[in-house]
Amino acid sequence: MVVSMMQLIFEIPDAGSIKDKRRIIRSVKDRLVKRFRISAAEVDLQDSLSFGQIGGALVSNSRNFGETVLQKAFKMIEDEMPIRIHDIKIYSEEF
C-alpha cells in the first residue's frame, strides 16, 4: 500500500475577509475531492487572512500513480483557482 501526500501553501490575494478565505479554500478542497478522489483538509494557517495551507492524500498500490494524480491536481489548482502558490511538497510512503 502506498500513501501519496501533498502539502500546499498558498496566498489568497482576493480575500477581504475570513469568510472569503473560507469560501476559496472550500472550493479548492471540493474540487480535489470531486475530480481526483483525494482526501483534503485545511491543515494550518487558519488564523491568517491571506494565506492558506491544504494537505491532501491518496492511497493506491503504486507510487508513480499516486504522485502523478497529485501532480495533475496541483496543475488544476494552479490553472483554475484564484490563488498564488508559494510552496508545494509531494511525496509518498510505502506501508
Protein backbone atom coordinates (compact mmCIF):
# COMPACT_ATOMS: atom_id res chain seq x y z
CA MET A 1 0.00 0.00 0.00
CA VAL A 2 1.33 3.43 -0.96
CA VAL A 3 0.09 6.70 0.55
CA SER A 4 0.88 9.73 -1.61
CA MET A 5 0.65 13.10 0.13
CA MET A 6 0.59 16.72 -0.92
CA GLN A 7 1.11 19.85 1.16
CA LEU A 8 0.23 23.15 -0.46
CA ILE A 9 0.88 26.65 0.93
CA PHE A 10 -0.73 29.48 -0.99
CA GLU A 11 -1.71 33.13 -0.89
CA ILE A 12 -5.28 34.30 -1.43
CA PRO A 13 -4.90 37.84 -2.79
CA ASP A 14 -8.65 38.47 -3.22
CA ALA A 15 -9.64 37.53 0.34
CA GLY A 16 -11.09 40.61 2.01
CA SER A 17 -12.44 38.69 4.97
CA ILE A 18 -12.17 35.31 6.69
CA LYS A 19 -15.47 34.41 5.02
CA ASP A 20 -13.91 34.97 1.57
CA LYS A 21 -10.88 32.90 2.54
CA ARG A 22 -13.04 30.01 3.78
CA ARG A 23 -15.10 30.08 0.56
CA ILE A 24 -11.99 29.82 -1.62
CA ILE A 25 -10.41 27.08 0.49
CA ARG A 26 -13.67 25.10 0.49
CA SER A 27 -13.76 25.43 -3.29
CA VAL A 28 -10.20 24.10 -3.64
CA LYS A 29 -10.90 21.15 -1.32
CA ASP A 30 -14.18 20.29 -3.06
CA ARG A 31 -12.51 20.23 -6.49
CA LEU A 32 -9.74 17.96 -5.21
CA VAL A 33 -12.26 15.53 -3.77
CA LYS A 34 -14.64 15.52 -6.76
CA ARG A 35 -12.11 15.47 -9.60
CA PHE A 36 -9.28 13.42 -8.18
CA ARG A 37 -10.77 11.48 -5.25
CA ILE A 38 -8.17 12.98 -2.91
CA SER A 39 -8.82 13.37 0.80
CA ALA A 40 -8.14 17.03 1.57
CA ALA A 41 -8.21 19.31 4.62
CA GLU A 42 -7.04 22.75 5.71
CA VAL A 43 -4.15 21.84 7.98
CA ASP A 44 -2.57 25.14 9.08
CA LEU A 45 -2.65 28.94 8.76
CA GLN A 46 -6.32 29.10 9.80
CA ASP A 47 -5.75 32.44 11.56
CA SER A 48 -4.12 34.11 8.57
CA LEU A 49 -6.40 36.16 6.33
CA SER A 50 -4.30 35.99 3.18
CA PHE A 51 -2.60 32.58 3.40
CA GLY A 52 -3.84 29.00 3.50
CA GLN A 53 -2.40 25.51 3.76
CA ILE A 54 -4.08 22.39 2.47
CA GLY A 55 -2.97 18.80 2.88
CA GLY A 56 -4.14 16.04 0.57
CA ALA A 57 -3.66 12.27 0.47
CA LEU A 58 -4.35 9.41 -1.90
CA VAL A 59 -3.99 5.68 -1.24
CA SER A 60 -3.01 3.44 -4.15
CA ASN A 61 -0.84 0.47 -4.99
CA SER A 62 1.73 2.48 -6.98
CA ARG A 63 3.99 5.36 -6.01
CA ASN A 64 4.07 6.53 -9.62
CA PHE A 65 0.28 6.56 -9.96
CA GLY A 66 -0.27 8.44 -6.68
CA GLU A 67 2.31 11.12 -7.39
CA THR A 68 1.04 11.54 -10.97
CA VAL A 69 -2.51 12.15 -9.72
CA LEU A 70 -1.24 14.70 -7.18
CA GLN A 71 0.79 16.47 -9.88
CA LYS A 72 -2.36 16.72 -12.03
CA ALA A 73 -4.29 18.04 -9.02
CA PHE A 74 -1.60 20.66 -8.44
CA LYS A 75 -1.72 21.72 -12.10
CA MET A 76 -5.53 22.09 -11.89
CA ILE A 77 -5.26 24.25 -8.75
CA GLU A 78 -2.55 26.39 -10.34
CA ASP A 79 -4.55 26.93 -13.55
CA GLU A 80 -8.12 27.28 -12.29
CA MET A 81 -8.11 28.69 -8.77
CA PRO A 82 -7.69 32.38 -7.75
CA ILE A 83 -4.64 31.74 -5.56
CA ARG A 84 -0.85 32.19 -5.72
CA ILE A 85 1.07 29.05 -4.79
CA HIS A 86 4.10 29.62 -2.56
CA ASP A 87 5.16 26.04 -1.77
CA ILE A 88 4.18 22.51 -2.67
CA LYS A 89 5.51 19.20 -1.43
CA ILE A 90 4.53 15.87 -2.93
CA TYR A 91 5.87 12.62 -1.54
CA SER A 92 4.87 9.01 -0.99
CA GLU A 93 5.25 6.49 1.83
CA GLU A 94 5.04 2.75 1.33
CA PHE A 95 3.48 0.59 4.04
